[in-house]
C-alpha atoms as a PDB file:
ATOM      1  CA  MET A   1       9.047-234.176-102.017  1.00  0.00           C
ATOM      2  CA  ASP A   2       9.281-230.755-100.404  1.00  0.00           C
ATOM      3  CA  ARG A   3      12.925-230.024-100.489  1.00  0.00           C
ATOM      4  CA  LEU A   4      12.627-227.144 -98.086  1.00  0.00           C
ATOM      5  CA  GLN A   5      10.854-229.255 -95.396  1.00  0.00           C
ATOM      6  CA  ALA A   6      13.264-232.133 -95.797  1.00  0.00           C
ATOM      7  CA  ILE A   7      16.149-229.866 -95.521  1.00  0.00           C
ATOM      8  CA  THR A   8      14.618-228.225 -92.333  1.00  0.00           C
ATOM      9  CA  ALA A   9      14.033-231.767 -91.082  1.00  0.00           C
ATOM     10  CA  PHE A  10      17.433-232.901 -91.853  1.00  0.00           C
ATOM     11  CA  VAL A  11      18.822-229.821 -89.864  1.00  0.00           C
ATOM     12  CA  LYS A  12      16.721-230.394 -86.722  1.00  0.00           C
ATOM     13  CA  VAL A  13      17.604-234.158 -86.632  1.00  0.00           C
ATOM     14  CA  VAL A  14      21.424-232.906 -86.435  1.00  0.00           C
ATOM     15  CA  GLU A  15      20.616-230.307 -83.789  1.00  0.00           C
ATOM     16  CA  ALA A  16      18.518-232.711 -81.710  1.00  0.00           C
ATOM     17  CA  GLY A  17      20.626-235.537 -81.928  1.00  0.00           C
ATOM     18  CA  SER A  18      17.588-237.964 -82.824  1.00  0.00           C
ATOM     19  CA  PHE A  19      14.531-238.222 -85.000  1.00  0.00           C
ATOM     20  CA  ALA A  20      12.333-238.005 -81.863  1.00  0.00           C
ATOM     21  CA  GLY A  21      14.010-234.742 -80.759  1.00  0.00           C
ATOM     22  CA  ALA A  22      13.454-233.284 -84.214  1.00  0.00           C
ATOM     23  CA  ALA A  23       9.840-234.285 -84.384  1.00  0.00           C
ATOM     24  CA  THR A  24       9.128-232.629 -80.899  1.00  0.00           C
ATOM     25  CA  ARG A  25      10.801-229.474 -82.089  1.00  0.00           C
ATOM     26  CA  LEU A  26       8.956-229.496 -85.457  1.00  0.00           C
ATOM     27  CA  ASP A  27       5.709-230.639 -83.790  1.00  0.00           C
ATOM     28  CA  VAL A  28       5.299-233.495 -86.279  1.00  0.00           C
ATOM     29  CA  SER A  29       5.252-237.395 -86.014  1.00  0.00           C
ATOM     30  CA  VAL A  30       8.511-239.137 -85.843  1.00  0.00           C
ATOM     31  CA  SER A  31       7.828-240.915 -88.858  1.00  0.00           C
ATOM     32  CA  ALA A  32       7.284-238.019 -90.882  1.00  0.00           C
ATOM     33  CA  VAL A  33      10.765-236.787 -89.988  1.00  0.00           C
ATOM     34  CA  SER A  34      12.184-240.119 -90.822  1.00  0.00           C
ATOM     35  CA  ARG A  35      10.382-240.242 -94.093  1.00  0.00           C
ATOM     36  CA  GLN A  36      11.568-236.616 -95.137  1.00  0.00           C
ATOM     37  CA  VAL A  37      15.265-237.389 -94.233  1.00  0.00           C
ATOM     38  CA  ALA A  38      15.144-240.968 -96.101  1.00  0.00           C
ATOM     39  CA  ASP A  39      13.418-238.894 -99.150  1.00  0.00           C
ATOM     40  CA  LEU A  40      16.293-236.133 -99.059  1.00  0.00           C
ATOM     41  CA  GLU A  41      18.987-238.911 -99.180  1.00  0.00           C
ATOM     42  CA  ALA A  42      17.189-240.691-101.940  1.00  0.00           C
ATOM     43  CA  HIS A  43      17.214-237.181-103.702  1.00  0.00           C
ATOM     44  CA  LEU A  44      20.755-236.759-103.311  1.00  0.00           C
ATOM     45  CA  ARG A  45      21.672-240.303-104.016  1.00  0.00           C
ATOM     46  CA  THR A  46      23.955-240.340-100.674  1.00  0.00           C
ATOM     47  CA  ARG A  47      23.639-241.087 -97.263  1.00  0.00           C
ATOM     48  CA  LEU A  48      23.693-238.154 -94.746  1.00  0.00           C
ATOM     49  CA  LEU A  49      23.243-239.911 -91.489  1.00  0.00           C
ATOM     50  CA  ASN A  50      24.936-243.021 -89.861  1.00  0.00           C
ATOM     51  CA  ARG A  51      22.129-244.616 -87.987  1.00  0.00           C
ATOM     52  CA  THR A  52      22.666-246.986 -84.910  1.00  0.00           C
ATOM     53  CA  THR A  53      20.706-248.147 -82.268  1.00  0.00           C
ATOM     54  CA  ARG A  54      22.538-245.575 -79.753  1.00  0.00           C
ATOM     55  CA  ARG A  55      23.358-242.784 -81.847  1.00  0.00           C
ATOM     56  CA  LEU A  56      23.411-240.694 -85.097  1.00  0.00           C
ATOM     57  CA  SER A  57      26.214-238.984 -86.647  1.00  0.00           C
ATOM     58  CA  LEU A  58      26.912-237.231 -89.880  1.00  0.00           C
ATOM     59  CA  THR A  59      28.609-238.860 -92.912  1.00  0.00           C
ATOM     60  CA  GLU A  60      31.445-236.919 -94.452  1.00  0.00           C
ATOM     61  CA  ALA A  61      28.700-235.842 -97.114  1.00  0.00           C
ATOM     62  CA  GLY A  62      26.237-235.307 -94.484  1.00  0.00           C
ATOM     63  CA  ARG A  63      28.589-232.753 -92.709  1.00  0.00           C
ATOM     64  CA  ALA A  64      29.077-230.653 -96.028  1.00  0.00           C
ATOM     65  CA  PHE A  65      25.392-230.757 -96.704  1.00  0.00           C
ATOM     66  CA  HIS A  66      24.495-229.626 -93.194  1.00  0.00           C
ATOM     67  CA  GLU A  67      26.920-226.732 -93.216  1.00  0.00           C
ATOM     68  CA  ARG A  68      25.488-225.558 -96.643  1.00  0.00           C
ATOM     69  CA  SER A  69      21.807-226.413 -95.177  1.00  0.00           C
ATOM     70  CA  LEU A  70      22.450-224.010 -92.135  1.00  0.00           C
ATOM     71  CA  GLN A  71      23.469-221.221 -94.766  1.00  0.00           C
ATOM     72  CA  LEU A  72      20.350-221.846 -96.857  1.00  0.00           C
ATOM     73  CA  LEU A  73      18.159-221.518 -93.979  1.00  0.00           C
ATOM     74  CA  ALA A  74      19.794-218.363 -92.479  1.00  0.00           C
ATOM     75  CA  ASP A  75      19.621-216.743 -95.992  1.00  0.00           C
ATOM     76  CA  LEU A  76      15.907-217.763 -96.284  1.00  0.00           C
ATOM     77  CA  GLU A  77      15.145-216.279 -93.109  1.00  0.00           C
ATOM     78  CA  GLU A  78      16.899-213.080 -93.924  1.00  0.00           C
ATOM     79  CA  ALA A  79      15.235-212.714 -97.263  1.00  0.00           C
ATOM     80  CA  GLU A  80      11.932-213.168 -95.442  1.00  0.00           C
ATOM     81  CA  GLU A  81      12.968-210.466 -93.107  1.00  0.00           C
ATOM     82  CA  ALA A  82      13.860-208.041 -95.873  1.00  0.00           C
ATOM     83  CA  VAL A  83      10.482-208.226 -97.464  1.00  0.00           C
ATOM     84  CA  THR A  84       8.277-207.688 -94.378  1.00  0.00           C
ATOM     85  CA  ALA A  85       7.390-204.753 -92.135  1.00  0.00           C
ATOM     86  CA  THR A  86       9.254-206.257 -89.300  1.00  0.00           C
ATOM     87  CA  THR A  87      12.715-206.350 -90.850  1.00  0.00           C
ATOM     88  CA  VAL A  88      14.169-204.184 -87.991  1.00  0.00           C
ATOM     89  CA  LEU A  89      12.213-206.189 -85.245  1.00  0.00           C
ATOM     90  CA  PRO A  90      14.155-209.448 -84.082  1.00  0.00           C
ATOM     91  CA  ARG A  91      11.815-212.708 -84.334  1.00  0.00           C
ATOM     92  CA  GLY A  92      12.210-216.288 -84.479  1.00  0.00           C
ATOM     93  CA  THR A  93      14.574-218.172 -82.222  1.00  0.00           C
ATOM     94  CA  LEU A  94      18.296-217.074 -81.156  1.00  0.00           C
ATOM     95  CA  LYS A  95      20.294-219.919 -80.372  1.00  0.00           C
ATOM     96  CA  LEU A  96      23.464-219.137 -78.392  1.00  0.00           C
ATOM     97  CA  THR A  97      26.048-220.649 -76.257  1.00  0.00           C
ATOM     98  CA  ALA A  98      28.113-219.063 -73.284  1.00  0.00           C
ATOM     99  CA  SER A  99      30.059-220.397 -70.228  1.00  0.00           C
ATOM    100  CA  GLY A 100      27.901-221.111 -67.092  1.00  0.00           C
ATOM    101  CA  GLY A 101      29.494-218.613 -65.008  1.00  0.00           C
ATOM    102  CA  PHE A 102      29.271-215.487 -67.081  1.00  0.00           C
ATOM    103  CA  ALA A 103      25.932-216.504 -68.468  1.00  0.00           C
ATOM    104  CA  VAL A 104      24.196-217.027 -65.378  1.00  0.00           C
ATOM    105  CA  ARG A 105      25.500-213.629 -63.590  1.00  0.00           C
ATOM    106  CA  HIS A 106      25.704-211.198 -66.726  1.00  0.00           C
ATOM    107  CA  LEU A 107      23.994-212.983 -69.847  1.00  0.00           C
ATOM    108  CA  ALA A 108      20.735-213.899 -68.242  1.00  0.00           C
ATOM    109  CA  PRO A 109      19.784-210.278 -67.079  1.00  0.00           C
ATOM    110  CA  ALA A 110      20.860-209.271 -70.597  1.00  0.00           C
ATOM    111  CA  ILE A 111      18.400-211.840 -72.309  1.00  0.00           C
ATOM    112  CA  ALA A 112      15.874-210.910 -69.805  1.00  0.00           C
ATOM    113  CA  GLU A 113      16.093-207.059 -70.785  1.00  0.00           C
ATOM    114  CA  PHE A 114      16.154-207.720 -74.554  1.00  0.00           C
ATOM    115  CA  SER A 115      13.351-210.089 -74.499  1.00  0.00           C
ATOM    116  CA  ALA A 116      11.052-207.629 -72.658  1.00  0.00           C
ATOM    117  CA  ARG A 117      11.823-205.236 -75.472  1.00  0.00           C
ATOM    118  CA  HIS A 118      11.456-207.932 -78.326  1.00  0.00           C
ATOM    119  CA  PRO A 119       8.791-210.369 -77.324  1.00  0.00           C
ATOM    120  CA  ASP A 120       8.440-211.977 -80.525  1.00  0.00           C
ATOM    121  CA  LEU A 121      12.171-213.345 -80.050  1.00  0.00           C
ATOM    122  CA  ARG A 122      12.748-216.666 -78.554  1.00  0.00           C
ATOM    123  CA  PHE A 123      15.897-217.758 -76.852  1.00  0.00           C
ATOM    124  CA  ASP A 124      17.573-221.338 -76.855  1.00  0.00           C
ATOM    125  CA  VAL A 125      20.546-221.000 -74.519  1.00  0.00           C
ATOM    126  CA  GLN A 126      23.169-223.749 -74.197  1.00  0.00           C
ATOM    127  CA  LEU A 127      25.667-223.571 -71.612  1.00  0.00           C
ATOM    128  CA  SER A 128      29.253-225.072 -71.798  1.00  0.00           C
ATOM    129  CA  GLU A 129      32.780-224.423 -70.664  1.00  0.00           C
ATOM    130  CA  HIS A 130      34.163-225.367 -73.812  1.00  0.00           C
ATOM    131  CA  ALA A 131      34.208-223.919 -77.422  1.00  0.00           C
ATOM    132  CA  VAL A 132      31.405-225.559 -79.302  1.00  0.00           C
ATOM    133  CA  ASP A 133      31.614-225.918 -82.911  1.00  0.00           C
ATOM    134  CA  LEU A 134      28.811-223.255 -83.814  1.00  0.00           C
ATOM    135  CA  VAL A 135      28.249-224.596 -87.517  1.00  0.00           C
ATOM    136  CA  ASP A 136      27.878-228.183 -86.335  1.00  0.00           C
ATOM    137  CA  ALA A 137      25.754-227.478 -83.414  1.00  0.00           C
ATOM    138  CA  GLY A 138      23.563-224.849 -85.519  1.00  0.00           C
ATOM    139  CA  ILE A 139      24.481-222.063 -83.040  1.00  0.00           C
ATOM    140  CA  ASP A 140      23.669-218.469 -84.042  1.00  0.00           C
ATOM    141  CA  LEU A 141      26.025-216.767 -81.614  1.00  0.00           C
ATOM    142  CA  ALA A 142      28.709-217.418 -78.714  1.00  0.00           C
ATOM    143  CA  ILE A 143      29.878-215.383 -76.070  1.00  0.00           C
ATOM    144  CA  ARG A 144      33.511-216.321 -75.263  1.00  0.00           C
ATOM    145  CA  ILE A 145      36.228-215.348 -72.985  1.00  0.00           C
ATOM    146  CA  GLY A 146      39.701-215.495 -74.008  1.00  0.00           C
ATOM    147  CA  GLU A 147      40.311-217.527 -77.109  1.00  0.00           C
ATOM    148  CA  ILE A 148      37.752-216.959 -80.002  1.00  0.00           C
ATOM    149  CA  GLY A 149      38.324-220.332 -81.511  1.00  0.00           C
ATOM    150  CA  SER A 150      38.222-221.005 -85.286  1.00  0.00           C
ATOM    151  CA  GLN A 151      39.586-218.363 -87.777  1.00  0.00           C
ATOM    152  CA  ALA A 152      36.329-218.736 -89.699  1.00  0.00           C
ATOM    153  CA  LEU A 153      34.496-217.085 -86.848  1.00  0.00           C
ATOM    154  CA  ILE A 154      33.691-213.324 -86.992  1.00  0.00           C
ATOM    155  CA  ALA A 155      34.175-211.632 -83.434  1.00  0.00           C
ATOM    156  CA  ARG A 156      32.916-208.452 -82.013  1.00  0.00           C
ATOM    157  CA  ARG A 157      34.454-207.085 -78.678  1.00  0.00           C
ATOM    158  CA  LEU A 158      31.990-206.530 -75.892  1.00  0.00           C
ATOM    159  CA  GLY A 159      34.368-205.802 -72.846  1.00  0.00           C
ATOM    160  CA  LEU A 160      37.206-207.229 -70.514  1.00  0.00           C
ATOM    161  CA  SER A 161      37.528-209.549 -67.743  1.00  0.00           C
ATOM    162  CA  HIS A 162      40.278-209.165 -65.202  1.00  0.00           C
ATOM    163  CA  LEU A 163      41.776-212.359 -63.901  1.00  0.00           C
ATOM    164  CA  VAL A 164      42.000-212.179 -59.763  1.00  0.00           C
ATOM    165  CA  CYS A 165      44.109-214.145 -57.293  1.00  0.00           C
ATOM    166  CA  CYS A 166      42.296-214.998 -54.427  1.00  0.00           C
ATOM    167  CA  ALA A 167      41.782-217.497 -51.551  1.00  0.00           C
ATOM    168  CA  SER A 168      39.500-217.843 -48.354  1.00  0.00           C
ATOM    169  CA  PRO A 169      40.578-216.083 -44.840  1.00  0.00           C
ATOM    170  CA  THR A 170      40.593-219.623 -43.414  1.00  0.00           C
ATOM    171  CA  TYR A 171      43.132-220.896 -45.909  1.00  0.00           C
ATOM    172  CA  LEU A 172      45.366-217.649 -45.393  1.00  0.00           C
ATOM    173  CA  ALA A 173      45.280-218.013 -41.825  1.00  0.00           C
ATOM    174  CA  ARG A 174      46.348-221.489 -42.024  1.00  0.00           C
ATOM    175  CA  ARG A 175      48.919-221.323 -44.787  1.00  0.00           C
ATOM    176  CA  GLY A 176      49.893-217.494 -44.976  1.00  0.00           C
ATOM    177  CA  SER A 177      49.437-215.048 -47.694  1.00  0.00           C
ATOM    178  CA  PRO A 178      51.965-215.290 -50.791  1.00  0.00           C
ATOM    179  CA  ARG A 179      53.928-212.164 -51.142  1.00  0.00           C
ATOM    180  CA  SER A 180      55.140-212.675 -54.569  1.00  0.00           C
ATOM    181  CA  PRO A 181      54.006-215.106 -57.539  1.00  0.00           C
ATOM    182  CA  GLU A 182      57.077-216.980 -56.731  1.00  0.00           C
ATOM    183  CA  ASP A 183      55.520-217.974 -53.243  1.00  0.00           C
ATOM    184  CA  LEU A 184      52.542-219.837 -55.140  1.00  0.00           C
ATOM    185  CA  GLY A 185      54.943-222.654 -55.894  1.00  0.00           C
ATOM    186  CA  GLN A 186      54.634-223.582 -52.031  1.00  0.00           C
ATOM    187  CA  HIS A 187      50.677-223.185 -52.042  1.00  0.00           C
ATOM    188  CA  ARG A 188      47.625-225.342 -52.829  1.00  0.00           C
ATOM    189  CA  CYS A 189      46.469-223.838 -56.156  1.00  0.00           C
ATOM    190  CA  LEU A 190      42.919-224.649 -57.854  1.00  0.00           C
ATOM    191  CA  ILE A 191      43.429-225.297 -61.691  1.00  0.00           C
ATOM    192  CA  TYR A 192      40.823-224.367 -64.272  1.00  0.00           C
ATOM    193  CA  GLU A 193      40.984-227.086 -66.940  1.00  0.00           C
ATOM    194  CA  TYR A 194      40.435-225.174 -69.964  1.00  0.00           C
ATOM    195  CA  ALA A 195      42.922-222.341 -69.647  1.00  0.00           C
ATOM    196  CA  GLY A 196      45.566-222.523 -72.364  1.00  0.00           C
ATOM    197  CA  ASP A 197      48.357-223.708 -70.008  1.00  0.00           C
ATOM    198  CA  ALA A 198      46.399-224.570 -66.925  1.00  0.00           C
ATOM    199  CA  ASN A 199      49.172-225.035 -64.533  1.00  0.00           C
ATOM    200  CA  LEU A 200      51.332-221.690 -65.736  1.00  0.00           C
ATOM    201  CA  TRP A 201      50.086-218.557 -64.053  1.00  0.00           C
ATOM    202  CA  ARG A 202      51.267-215.212 -65.228  1.00  0.00           C
ATOM    203  CA  PHE A 203      51.464-212.080 -63.613  1.00  0.00           C
ATOM    204  CA  THR A 204      52.904-208.530 -64.187  1.00  0.00           C
ATOM    205  CA  ASP A 205      54.588-206.578 -61.224  1.00  0.00           C
ATOM    206  CA  PRO A 206      54.493-202.851 -60.625  1.00  0.00           C
ATOM    207  CA  ASP A 207      57.466-202.207 -62.642  1.00  0.00           C
ATOM    208  CA  GLY A 208      55.933-203.955 -65.717  1.00  0.00           C
ATOM    209  CA  ARG A 209      57.950-207.370 -65.424  1.00  0.00           C
ATOM    210  CA  GLU A 210      56.320-210.478 -66.055  1.00  0.00           C
ATOM    211  CA  HIS A 211      56.432-213.454 -63.793  1.00  0.00           C
ATOM    212  CA  ALA A 212      55.372-216.854 -64.993  1.00  0.00           C
ATOM    213  CA  ILE A 213      54.865-219.464 -62.256  1.00  0.00           C
ATOM    214  CA  ARG A 214      54.412-223.203 -62.296  1.00  0.00           C
ATOM    215  CA  VAL A 215      51.522-224.328 -59.974  1.00  0.00           C
ATOM    216  CA  ALA A 216      49.994-227.331 -58.676  1.00  0.00           C
ATOM    217  CA  GLY A 217      47.246-228.366 -56.180  1.00  0.00           C
ATOM    218  CA  PRO A 218      44.540-230.595 -54.851  1.00  0.00           C
ATOM    219  CA  ALA A 219      42.109-229.844 -57.336  1.00  0.00           C
ATOM    220  CA  ARG A 220      41.296-228.893 -61.043  1.00  0.00           C
ATOM    221  CA  SER A 221      37.767-228.551 -62.862  1.00  0.00           C
ATOM    222  CA  ASN A 222      36.458-227.494 -66.159  1.00  0.00           C
ATOM    223  CA  ASN A 223      33.959-225.276 -64.319  1.00  0.00           C
ATOM    224  CA  SER A 224      34.786-221.936 -62.694  1.00  0.00           C
ATOM    225  CA  GLU A 225      31.703-222.005 -60.068  1.00  0.00           C
ATOM    226  CA  MET A 226      33.088-225.449 -58.844  1.00  0.00           C
ATOM    227  CA  LEU A 227      36.571-223.926 -58.192  1.00  0.00           C
ATOM    228  CA  ALA A 228      35.528-220.731 -56.651  1.00  0.00           C
ATOM    229  CA  ALA A 229      33.186-222.810 -54.189  1.00  0.00           C
ATOM    230  CA  LEU A 230      36.340-225.203 -53.105  1.00  0.00           C
ATOM    231  CA  ALA A 231      38.436-221.818 -52.826  1.00  0.00           C
ATOM    232  CA  VAL A 232      35.636-220.405 -50.389  1.00  0.00           C
ATOM    233  CA  ALA A 233      35.724-223.674 -48.350  1.00  0.00           C
ATOM    234  CA  GLY A 234      39.567-223.100 -47.807  1.00  0.00           C
ATOM    235  CA  MET A 235      40.851-225.528 -50.293  1.00  0.00           C
ATOM    236  CA  GLY A 236      43.196-223.284 -51.964  1.00  0.00           C
ATOM    237  CA  VAL A 237      44.398-220.343 -54.000  1.00  0.00           C
ATOM    238  CA  LEU A 238      42.253-219.307 -57.064  1.00  0.00           C
ATOM    239  CA  ARG A 239      42.859-217.337 -60.174  1.00  0.00           C
ATOM    240  CA  GLU A 240      39.445-216.689 -61.572  1.00  0.00           C
ATOM    241  CA  PRO A 241      37.680-213.841 -63.730  1.00  0.00           C
ATOM    242  CA  ASP A 242      36.357-210.957 -61.705  1.00  0.00           C
ATOM    243  CA  PHE A 243      32.761-211.865 -62.644  1.00  0.00           C
ATOM    244  CA  ILE A 244      33.093-215.219 -60.881  1.00  0.00           C
ATOM    245  CA  VAL A 245      34.895-214.079 -57.692  1.00  0.00           C
ATOM    246  CA  ALA A 246      33.788-210.303 -57.010  1.00  0.00           C
ATOM    247  CA  PRO A 247      30.592-211.538 -55.146  1.00  0.00           C
ATOM    248  CA  ALA A 248      32.644-213.673 -52.589  1.00  0.00           C
ATOM    249  CA  ILE A 249      35.411-210.840 -52.472  1.00  0.00           C
ATOM    250  CA  ARG A 250      32.468-208.356 -51.574  1.00  0.00           C
ATOM    251  CA  ASP A 251      31.227-210.404 -48.827  1.00  0.00           C
ATOM    252  CA  GLY A 252      34.454-211.497 -47.204  1.00  0.00           C
ATOM    253  CA  ARG A 253      34.253-215.134 -48.283  1.00  0.00           C
ATOM    254  CA  LEU A 254      37.347-214.726 -50.571  1.00  0.00           C
ATOM    255  CA  LYS A 255      40.232-212.342 -50.122  1.00  0.00           C
ATOM    256  CA  VAL A 256      42.516-210.922 -52.911  1.00  0.00           C
ATOM    257  CA  VAL A 257      46.360-211.959 -52.689  1.00  0.00           C
ATOM    258  CA  LEU A 258      49.009-210.534 -54.638  1.00  0.00           C
ATOM    259  CA  PRO A 259      47.101-207.320 -55.284  1.00  0.00           C
ATOM    260  CA  ASP A 260      50.255-205.642 -56.685  1.00  0.00           C
ATOM    261  CA  TYR A 261      50.769-208.176 -59.234  1.00  0.00           C
ATOM    262  CA  ARG A 262      48.069-208.263 -62.021  1.00  0.00           C
ATOM    263  CA  PRO A 263      47.050-211.336 -63.819  1.00  0.00           C
ATOM    264  CA  PRO A 264      46.493-210.859 -67.635  1.00  0.00           C
ATOM    265  CA  SER A 265      43.083-209.563 -68.612  1.00  0.00           C
ATOM    266  CA  VAL A 266      41.118-211.728 -71.081  1.00  0.00           C
ATOM    267  CA  PRO A 267      38.622-210.088 -73.795  1.00  0.00           C
ATOM    268  CA  ILE A 268      34.840-211.118 -73.972  1.00  0.00           C
ATOM    269  CA  HIS A 269      33.698-211.457 -77.520  1.00  0.00           C
ATOM    270  CA  ALA A 270      30.185-211.988 -79.376  1.00  0.00           C
ATOM    271  CA  VAL A 271      31.239-214.680 -81.886  1.00  0.00           C
ATOM    272  CA  TYR A 272      29.256-215.907 -84.722  1.00  0.00           C
ATOM    273  CA  PRO A 273      29.890-218.039 -88.042  1.00  0.00           C
ATOM    274  CA  SER A 274      31.406-216.248 -90.865  1.00  0.00           C
ATOM    275  CA  ARG A 275      28.325-215.546 -93.094  1.00  0.00           C
ATOM    276  CA  ARG A 276      27.312-213.211 -95.855  1.00  0.00           C
ATOM    277  CA  HIS A 277      24.293-211.834 -94.424  1.00  0.00           C
ATOM    278  CA  LEU A 278      23.933-211.860 -90.614  1.00  0.00           C
ATOM    279  CA  SER A 279      20.284-211.967 -89.346  1.00  0.00           C
ATOM    280  CA  ALA A 280      18.462-209.189 -87.867  1.00  0.00           C
ATOM    281  CA  LYS A 281      18.010-210.919 -84.507  1.00  0.00           C
ATOM    282  CA  VAL A 282      21.816-211.735 -84.045  1.00  0.00           C
ATOM    283  CA  ARG A 283      22.853-208.335 -85.061  1.00  0.00           C
ATOM    284  CA  ALA A 284      20.423-206.706 -82.983  1.00  0.00           C
ATOM    285  CA  PHE A 285      21.378-208.662 -79.809  1.00  0.00           C
ATOM    286  CA  ILE A 286      25.140-208.010 -80.452  1.00  0.00           C
ATOM    287  CA  ASP A 287      24.506-204.238 -80.936  1.00  0.00           C
ATOM    288  CA  PHE A 288      22.560-204.612 -77.438  1.00  0.00           C
ATOM    289  CA  LEU A 289      25.265-206.489 -75.847  1.00  0.00           C
ATOM    290  CA  VAL A 290      28.020-204.067 -77.201  1.00  0.00           C
ATOM    291  CA  VAL A 291      25.975-200.916 -75.735  1.00  0.00           C
ATOM    292  CA  ARG A 292      25.269-202.854 -72.366  1.00  0.00           C
ATOM    293  CA  GLY A 293      28.758-204.427 -72.043  1.00  0.00           C
ATOM    294  CA  VAL A 294      30.416-200.863 -72.031  1.00  0.00           C
ATOM    295  CA  ASN A 295      28.514-200.292 -68.751  1.00  0.00           C
ATOM    296  CA  GLU A 296      28.187-203.521 -67.355  1.00  0.00           C
ATOM    297  CA  ILE A 297      31.332-205.781 -67.734  1.00  0.00           C
ATOM    298  CA  PRO A 298      34.180-203.429 -66.873  1.00  0.00           C
ATOM    299  CA  ALA A 299      32.060-202.235 -63.809  1.00  0.00           C
ATOM    300  CA  ILE A 300      32.793-205.696 -62.350  1.00  0.00           C
ATOM    301  CA  ALA A 301      36.458-204.906 -61.909  1.00  0.00           C
ATOM    302  CA  SER A 302      35.902-201.540 -60.239  1.00  0.00           C
ATOM    303  CA  GLU A 303      34.127-203.425 -57.408  1.00  0.00           C
ATOM    304  CA  LEU A 304      37.068-205.189 -56.327  1.00  0.00           C
ATOM    305  CA  PRO A 305      39.522-203.752 -53.677  1.00  0.00           C
ATOM    306  CA  PRO A 306      42.142-201.594 -54.821  1.00  0.00           C
ATOM    307  CA  SER A 307      45.859-202.701 -54.491  1.00  0.00           C
ATOM    308  CA  PRO A 308      47.971-201.103 -51.684  1.00  0.00           C
ATOM    309  CA  ARG A 309      50.034-199.221 -53.993  1.00  0.00           C
ATOM    310  CA  THR A 310      46.724-197.553 -55.487  1.00  0.00           C
ATOM    311  CA  ARG A 311      45.368-196.926 -51.844  1.00  0.00           C
ATOM    312  CA  LEU A 312      48.687-195.240 -51.242  1.00  0.00           C
ATOM    313  CA  ARG A 313      48.558-193.074 -54.479  1.00  0.00           C
ATOM    314  CA  ARG A 314      44.737-192.209 -53.519  1.00  0.00           C
ATOM    315  CA  LYS A 315      45.872-191.149 -49.878  1.00  0.00           C
ATOM    316  CA  ARG A 316      48.837-189.073 -51.331  1.00  0.00           C
ATOM    317  CA  ALA A 317      46.391-187.321 -53.555  1.00  0.00           C
END
């Protein structure tokens, strides 16, 4: 038994969720993958995978071995890079995850630009609105907005996203525009499922006082794009990141409400598992995002209409 091949097959089975999926990724037969995993289990004298007709799942021993296997393969890749002439050139496959709204608008152009510079690097992008377990899923890197997740993860800040409260002109013509955060209690609000306390919206007024308002409404979702579409359709008041609502605000489909009351800002981080050695591909892409993020991410907020208080200060100046 080639232990390295068997470990690689085991990791691919976990990533793909099936022997057939792993065989496709490895470009070998399903029987070959099944035999390698069976030989590995025989060598270790323990079962790594629970097999049923519908799905595969890791045993307790399998979960521990999978985590160590990921580290082993990452260290091996790092060692290979260290003794080749292409040490500084990212290569292989970079597997990353991010939320759909941010990924489509801002991560996709960054990936395309980085790929043009480094054509030997391939990307495997998994879009998810919730925090994926990076180790279990074999993910190299996550772009997370707000909460980082496990304390075992390493985070590097890319920028800030500003929450914006807005609604469509048709909704505001029908229901009126709120003048203070407390007025939101009488409005139909659209709720983002994965916010920490989804129904509690916080604002800071011009004097620095905080307002925490309980809101409710006709719809909630785990997808920001869905909520933005509902807001554009006139269904209610939305509080979402600037990178989601800025295009609709610019073209008039949404209008900022409560401009003098600022919702909290949320940090954007590149997050990766805690490892002794960070691979060249991950390090290079994070460095690229840090530089690019300084120019790209904060610029979104500057495109939004200034508050009346800000406009007044500018006029006086």
